[in-house]
C-alpha atoms as a PDB file:
ATOM      1  CA  MET A   1       5.040  14.322  -4.998  1.00  0.00           C
ATOM      2  CA  MET A   2       3.709  14.935  -8.487  1.00  0.00           C
ATOM      3  CA  CYS A   3       1.750  12.487 -10.663  1.00  0.00           C
ATOM      4  CA  GLN A   4       2.650  11.817 -14.286  1.00  0.00           C
ATOM      5  CA  CYS A   5      -0.383  13.905 -15.288  1.00  0.00           C
ATOM      6  CA  GLY A   6       0.970  16.861 -13.297  1.00  0.00           C
ATOM      7  CA  GLY A   7      -1.525  16.534 -10.445  1.00  0.00           C
ATOM      8  CA  ILE A   8      -0.702  16.491  -6.746  1.00  0.00           C
ATOM      9  CA  MET A   9      -0.488  13.115  -4.999  1.00  0.00           C
ATOM     10  CA  LYS A  10      -2.347  12.726  -1.698  1.00  0.00           C
ATOM     11  CA  SER A  11      -0.684  10.329   0.774  1.00  0.00           C
ATOM     12  CA  SER A  12      -2.329   8.113   3.371  1.00  0.00           C
ATOM     13  CA  GLU A  13      -1.126   5.263   5.572  1.00  0.00           C
ATOM     14  CA  HIS A  14      -2.811   2.530   7.557  1.00  0.00           C
ATOM     15  CA  SER A  15      -2.130  -0.819   9.243  1.00  0.00           C
ATOM     16  CA  ILE A  16      -3.829  -4.115   8.489  1.00  0.00           C
ATOM     17  CA  LYS A  17      -4.204  -6.517  11.392  1.00  0.00           C
ATOM     18  CA  SER A  18      -6.666  -9.143  10.102  1.00  0.00           C
ATOM     19  CA  VAL A  19      -5.909 -11.973   7.690  1.00  0.00           C
ATOM     20  CA  ASN A  20      -9.034 -11.217   5.627  1.00  0.00           C
ATOM     21  CA  LYS A  21      -8.032  -7.594   4.979  1.00  0.00           C
ATOM     22  CA  ALA A  22      -4.380  -8.563   4.408  1.00  0.00           C
ATOM     23  CA  ASN A  23      -5.521 -10.999   1.715  1.00  0.00           C
ATOM     24  CA  GLU A  24      -7.269  -8.137  -0.104  1.00  0.00           C
ATOM     25  CA  TRP A  25      -3.951  -6.289  -0.372  1.00  0.00           C
ATOM     26  CA  ALA A  26      -1.347  -9.050  -0.708  1.00  0.00           C
ATOM     27  CA  GLU A  27      -2.871 -12.520  -0.923  1.00  0.00           C
ATOM     28  CA  GLY A  28      -0.231 -15.242  -0.897  1.00  0.00           C
ATOM     29  CA  LEU A  29       2.648 -12.791  -0.455  1.00  0.00           C
ATOM     30  CA  TYR A  30       2.924 -12.781   3.356  1.00  0.00           C
ATOM     31  CA  GLN A  31       2.777 -15.117   6.335  1.00  0.00           C
ATOM     32  CA  GLN A  32       0.417 -14.636   9.261  1.00  0.00           C
ATOM     33  CA  LYS A  33       3.407 -14.028  11.558  1.00  0.00           C
ATOM     34  CA  ASP A  34       4.196 -10.939   9.402  1.00  0.00           C
ATOM     35  CA  LEU A  35       1.016  -9.165  10.541  1.00  0.00           C
ATOM     36  CA  PRO A  36       0.288  -6.336  10.951  1.00  0.00           C
ATOM     37  CA  LEU A  37       0.962  -5.171   7.406  1.00  0.00           C
ATOM     38  CA  HIS A  38       1.506  -1.480   6.732  1.00  0.00           C
ATOM     39  CA  VAL A  39       0.087   0.216   3.608  1.00  0.00           C
ATOM     40  CA  ALA A  40       1.462   3.525   2.303  1.00  0.00           C
ATOM     41  CA  GLN A  41      -0.914   4.706  -0.406  1.00  0.00           C
ATOM     42  CA  GLN A  42      -0.830   7.666  -2.807  1.00  0.00           C
ATOM     43  CA  THR A  43      -3.720   8.902  -4.953  1.00  0.00           C
ATOM     44  CA  CYS A  44      -3.626  11.656  -7.580  1.00  0.00           C
ATOM     45  CA  ALA A  45      -6.160  14.403  -6.934  1.00  0.00           C
ATOM     46  CA  SER A  46      -6.514  15.105 -10.683  1.00  0.00           C
ATOM     47  CA  CYS A  47      -6.629  11.763 -12.506  1.00  0.00           C
ATOM     48  CA  GLY A  48      -7.233   9.326  -9.626  1.00  0.00           C
ATOM     49  CA  ARG A  49      -4.097   7.258 -10.296  1.00  0.00           C
ATOM     50  CA  LEU A  50      -3.383   4.957  -7.354  1.00  0.00           C
ATOM     51  CA  GLY A  51      -0.066   3.645  -6.094  1.00  0.00           C
ATOM     52  CA  TYR A  52       0.826   1.794  -2.903  1.00  0.00           C
ATOM     53  CA  LYS A  53       3.496  -0.130  -1.008  1.00  0.00           C
ATOM     54  CA  VAL A  54       2.713  -2.923   1.437  1.00  0.00           C
ATOM     55  CA  THR A  55       5.328  -3.786   4.065  1.00  0.00           C
ATOM     56  CA  ASN A  56       5.329  -6.381   6.828  1.00  0.00           C
ATOM     57  CA  SER A  57       5.857  -5.785  10.557  1.00  0.00           C
ATOM     58  CA  LYS A  58       9.650  -5.810  10.024  1.00  0.00           C
ATOM     59  CA  GLY A  59       9.460  -3.102   7.345  1.00  0.00           C
ATOM     60  CA  GLU A  60      10.254  -5.512   4.490  1.00  0.00           C
ATOM     61  CA  LEU A  61       8.524  -4.848   1.156  1.00  0.00           C
ATOM     62  CA  VAL A  62       5.710  -7.328   0.452  1.00  0.00           C
ATOM     63  CA  LYS A  63       4.040  -5.734  -2.572  1.00  0.00           C
ATOM     64  CA  ARG A  64       4.412  -2.581  -4.655  1.00  0.00           C
ATOM     65  CA  PHE A  65       1.946  -1.183  -7.192  1.00  0.00           C
ATOM     66  CA  ASN A  66       2.429   1.884  -9.465  1.00  0.00           C
ATOM     67  CA  LEU A  67       5.159   3.490  -7.326  1.00  0.00           C
END
C-alpha cells in the first residue's frame, strides 16, 4: 500500500487482552466481553503517517483512524 506522500506503508498487527491497554486504543467504544481487541496498524516509512483499525473478538469494527 502507498501513502499519500508516495512512501511505502509498513503493516503490523497485534492483539490487546487487558482493559488498560484497550482503553488506550478505544476507550468507551467496546465492552469488556469484546476482548481481546485486534489492532491492524500501518505506518509510512517516509513521512511517519499512522493509520489503524481496531476490531473486537468477533471481527466487528470498533475504531478506525486515517485508513
